Amino acid sequence: MSDSHYAQHVFFCLNRRTDGRECCASRDAEAMQAYAKDRVKALGLNGPGKVRVNKAGCLDRCEHGPVIVVYPEAVWYTYVDREDIDEIVESHLRDGHPVERLRLP
């Protein structure tokens, strides 16, 4: 295990704007975060030395949203549905291969 308690942190932006501008929360981000957390757990990827799926406030990239970021790699993603979340969890978090089609610059 590295110096970090977790090998990877996945932060889901759950920002909710009330001024009418787009935000990650308006794109089902909370449900997708819960789904990702359940998938990580189901695959046995969670826990110390493994993966932690976190809620985050504004990550300041809502125009690309919804967005997540995986650290320590600092890989930013957008997603549309559960299939995209499955691909990120399985390919990136489990197998170590970032999902290029979902990456943000």
C-alpha atoms as a PDB file:
ATOM      1  CA  MET A   1       0.000   0.000   0.000  1.00  0.00           C
ATOM      2  CA  SER A   2       1.203   3.507  -0.799  1.00  0.00           C
ATOM      3  CA  ASP A   3       1.453   6.372   1.671  1.00  0.00           C
ATOM      4  CA  SER A   4      -2.177   7.195   0.916  1.00  0.00           C
ATOM      5  CA  HIS A   5      -4.896   5.338   2.787  1.00  0.00           C
ATOM      6  CA  TYR A   6      -6.589   4.642  -0.572  1.00  0.00           C
ATOM      7  CA  ALA A   7      -4.893   3.781  -3.847  1.00  0.00           C
ATOM      8  CA  GLN A   8      -7.477   5.797  -5.801  1.00  0.00           C
ATOM      9  CA  HIS A   9     -10.079   8.420  -4.997  1.00  0.00           C
ATOM     10  CA  VAL A  10     -12.982   8.988  -7.368  1.00  0.00           C
ATOM     11  CA  PHE A  11     -14.672  12.349  -6.911  1.00  0.00           C
ATOM     12  CA  PHE A  12     -18.144  12.903  -8.382  1.00  0.00           C
ATOM     13  CA  CYS A  13     -19.173  16.516  -8.771  1.00  0.00           C
ATOM     14  CA  LEU A  14     -22.619  16.847  -7.188  1.00  0.00           C
ATOM     15  CA  ASN A  15     -22.775  20.627  -7.507  1.00  0.00           C
ATOM     16  CA  ARG A  16     -26.289  22.078  -7.656  1.00  0.00           C
ATOM     17  CA  ARG A  17     -26.735  25.541  -9.101  1.00  0.00           C
ATOM     18  CA  THR A  18     -29.869  27.517  -8.403  1.00  0.00           C
ATOM     19  CA  ASP A  19     -29.328  30.257 -10.984  1.00  0.00           C
ATOM     20  CA  GLY A  20     -30.498  28.250 -13.991  1.00  0.00           C
ATOM     21  CA  ARG A  21     -27.032  27.336 -15.290  1.00  0.00           C
ATOM     22  CA  GLU A  22     -26.223  23.707 -16.019  1.00  0.00           C
ATOM     23  CA  CYS A  23     -24.764  21.711 -13.167  1.00  0.00           C
ATOM     24  CA  CYS A  24     -23.765  18.133 -12.535  1.00  0.00           C
ATOM     25  CA  ALA A  25     -26.604  17.567 -10.064  1.00  0.00           C
ATOM     26  CA  SER A  26     -29.158  18.320 -12.782  1.00  0.00           C
ATOM     27  CA  ARG A  27     -27.681  15.425 -14.794  1.00  0.00           C
ATOM     28  CA  ASP A  28     -28.351  12.669 -12.226  1.00  0.00           C
ATOM     29  CA  ALA A  29     -24.862  12.863 -10.685  1.00  0.00           C
ATOM     30  CA  GLU A  30     -26.015  11.844  -7.209  1.00  0.00           C
ATOM     31  CA  ALA A  31     -27.595   8.616  -8.462  1.00  0.00           C
ATOM     32  CA  MET A  32     -24.531   7.859 -10.598  1.00  0.00           C
ATOM     33  CA  GLN A  33     -22.200   8.400  -7.622  1.00  0.00           C
ATOM     34  CA  ALA A  34     -24.255   5.967  -5.536  1.00  0.00           C
ATOM     35  CA  TYR A  35     -24.267   3.480  -8.418  1.00  0.00           C
ATOM     36  CA  ALA A  36     -20.476   3.745  -8.838  1.00  0.00           C
ATOM     37  CA  LYS A  37     -19.963   3.224  -5.116  1.00  0.00           C
ATOM     38  CA  ASP A  38     -22.152   0.100  -5.232  1.00  0.00           C
ATOM     39  CA  ARG A  39     -20.307  -1.256  -8.317  1.00  0.00           C
ATOM     40  CA  VAL A  40     -16.896  -0.698  -6.724  1.00  0.00           C
ATOM     41  CA  LYS A  41     -18.092  -2.515  -3.612  1.00  0.00           C
ATOM     42  CA  ALA A  42     -19.662  -5.367  -5.626  1.00  0.00           C
ATOM     43  CA  LEU A  43     -16.363  -5.920  -7.423  1.00  0.00           C
ATOM     44  CA  GLY A  44     -14.405  -5.929  -4.150  1.00  0.00           C
ATOM     45  CA  LEU A  45     -12.447  -2.824  -5.137  1.00  0.00           C
ATOM     46  CA  ASN A  46     -13.349  -0.720  -2.090  1.00  0.00           C
ATOM     47  CA  GLY A  47     -11.554  -0.288   1.201  1.00  0.00           C
ATOM     48  CA  PRO A  48      -8.140   0.690   2.548  1.00  0.00           C
ATOM     49  CA  GLY A  49      -5.430   0.372  -0.059  1.00  0.00           C
ATOM     50  CA  LYS A  50      -8.050   0.210  -2.790  1.00  0.00           C
ATOM     51  CA  VAL A  51     -10.703   2.590  -4.174  1.00  0.00           C
ATOM     52  CA  ARG A  52     -12.824   5.229  -2.445  1.00  0.00           C
ATOM     53  CA  VAL A  53     -15.788   6.811  -4.278  1.00  0.00           C
ATOM     54  CA  ASN A  54     -16.494  10.276  -2.891  1.00  0.00           C
ATOM     55  CA  LYS A  55     -19.043  13.022  -3.291  1.00  0.00           C
ATOM     56  CA  ALA A  56     -17.595  16.418  -4.172  1.00  0.00           C
ATOM     57  CA  GLY A  57     -18.855  19.944  -4.377  1.00  0.00           C
ATOM     58  CA  CYS A  58     -18.221  22.003  -7.461  1.00  0.00           C
ATOM     59  CA  LEU A  59     -15.192  20.841  -9.449  1.00  0.00           C
ATOM     60  CA  ASP A  60     -15.555  23.887 -11.736  1.00  0.00           C
ATOM     61  CA  ARG A  61     -16.001  21.896 -14.946  1.00  0.00           C
ATOM     62  CA  CYS A  62     -19.796  21.794 -15.150  1.00  0.00           C
ATOM     63  CA  GLU A  63     -19.732  22.862 -18.779  1.00  0.00           C
ATOM     64  CA  HIS A  64     -18.322  19.384 -19.517  1.00  0.00           C
ATOM     65  CA  GLY A  65     -20.600  17.682 -17.032  1.00  0.00           C
ATOM     66  CA  PRO A  66     -21.451  15.635 -15.438  1.00  0.00           C
ATOM     67  CA  VAL A  67     -17.848  15.133 -14.359  1.00  0.00           C
ATOM     68  CA  ILE A  68     -15.727  12.903 -12.182  1.00  0.00           C
ATOM     69  CA  VAL A  69     -12.012  12.897 -11.490  1.00  0.00           C
ATOM     70  CA  VAL A  70      -9.862   9.935 -10.477  1.00  0.00           C
ATOM     71  CA  TYR A  71      -6.813  10.604  -8.304  1.00  0.00           C
ATOM     72  CA  PRO A  72      -3.877  10.176  -8.045  1.00  0.00           C
ATOM     73  CA  GLU A  73      -3.892   9.920 -11.851  1.00  0.00           C
ATOM     74  CA  ALA A  74      -5.906  13.166 -12.232  1.00  0.00           C
ATOM     75  CA  VAL A  75      -7.968  11.619 -15.018  1.00  0.00           C
ATOM     76  CA  TRP A  76     -11.135  13.610 -15.702  1.00  0.00           C
ATOM     77  CA  TYR A  77     -14.224  11.970 -17.161  1.00  0.00           C
ATOM     78  CA  THR A  78     -17.703  12.790 -18.287  1.00  0.00           C
ATOM     79  CA  TYR A  79     -20.424  10.158 -18.478  1.00  0.00           C
ATOM     80  CA  VAL A  80     -23.974   9.695 -19.662  1.00  0.00           C
ATOM     81  CA  ASP A  81     -25.342   6.539 -18.063  1.00  0.00           C
ATOM     82  CA  ARG A  82     -24.647   3.448 -15.968  1.00  0.00           C
ATOM     83  CA  GLU A  83     -22.870   1.770 -18.876  1.00  0.00           C
ATOM     84  CA  ASP A  84     -20.299   4.590 -18.881  1.00  0.00           C
ATOM     85  CA  ILE A  85     -19.859   4.220 -15.114  1.00  0.00           C
ATOM     86  CA  ASP A  86     -19.425   0.446 -15.520  1.00  0.00           C
ATOM     87  CA  GLU A  87     -16.746   1.043 -18.143  1.00  0.00           C
ATOM     88  CA  ILE A  88     -14.850   3.504 -15.930  1.00  0.00           C
ATOM     89  CA  VAL A  89     -15.066   1.186 -12.903  1.00  0.00           C
ATOM     90  CA  GLU A  90     -14.069  -1.951 -14.767  1.00  0.00           C
ATOM     91  CA  SER A  91     -11.523  -0.595 -17.226  1.00  0.00           C
ATOM     92  CA  HIS A  92      -9.865   2.146 -15.191  1.00  0.00           C
ATOM     93  CA  LEU A  93     -10.355   1.267 -11.527  1.00  0.00           C
ATOM     94  CA  ARG A  94     -10.165  -2.513 -11.803  1.00  0.00           C
ATOM     95  CA  ASP A  95      -7.910  -3.039 -14.826  1.00  0.00           C
ATOM     96  CA  GLY A  96      -5.823   0.157 -14.819  1.00  0.00           C
ATOM     97  CA  HIS A  97      -6.783   1.325 -18.318  1.00  0.00           C
ATOM     98  CA  PRO A  98      -8.329   4.810 -18.556  1.00  0.00           C
ATOM     99  CA  VAL A  99     -11.384   5.061 -20.793  1.00  0.00           C
ATOM    100  CA  GLU A 100     -10.195   7.364 -23.549  1.00  0.00           C
ATOM    101  CA  ARG A 101     -13.615   7.979 -25.118  1.00  0.00           C
ATOM    102  CA  LEU A 102     -14.925   9.480 -21.862  1.00  0.00           C
ATOM    103  CA  ARG A 103     -11.832  11.483 -20.888  1.00  0.00           C
ATOM    104  CA  LEU A 104     -11.916  15.239 -20.680  1.00  0.00           C
ATOM    105  CA  PRO A 105      -8.932  17.342 -21.744  1.00  0.00           C
END
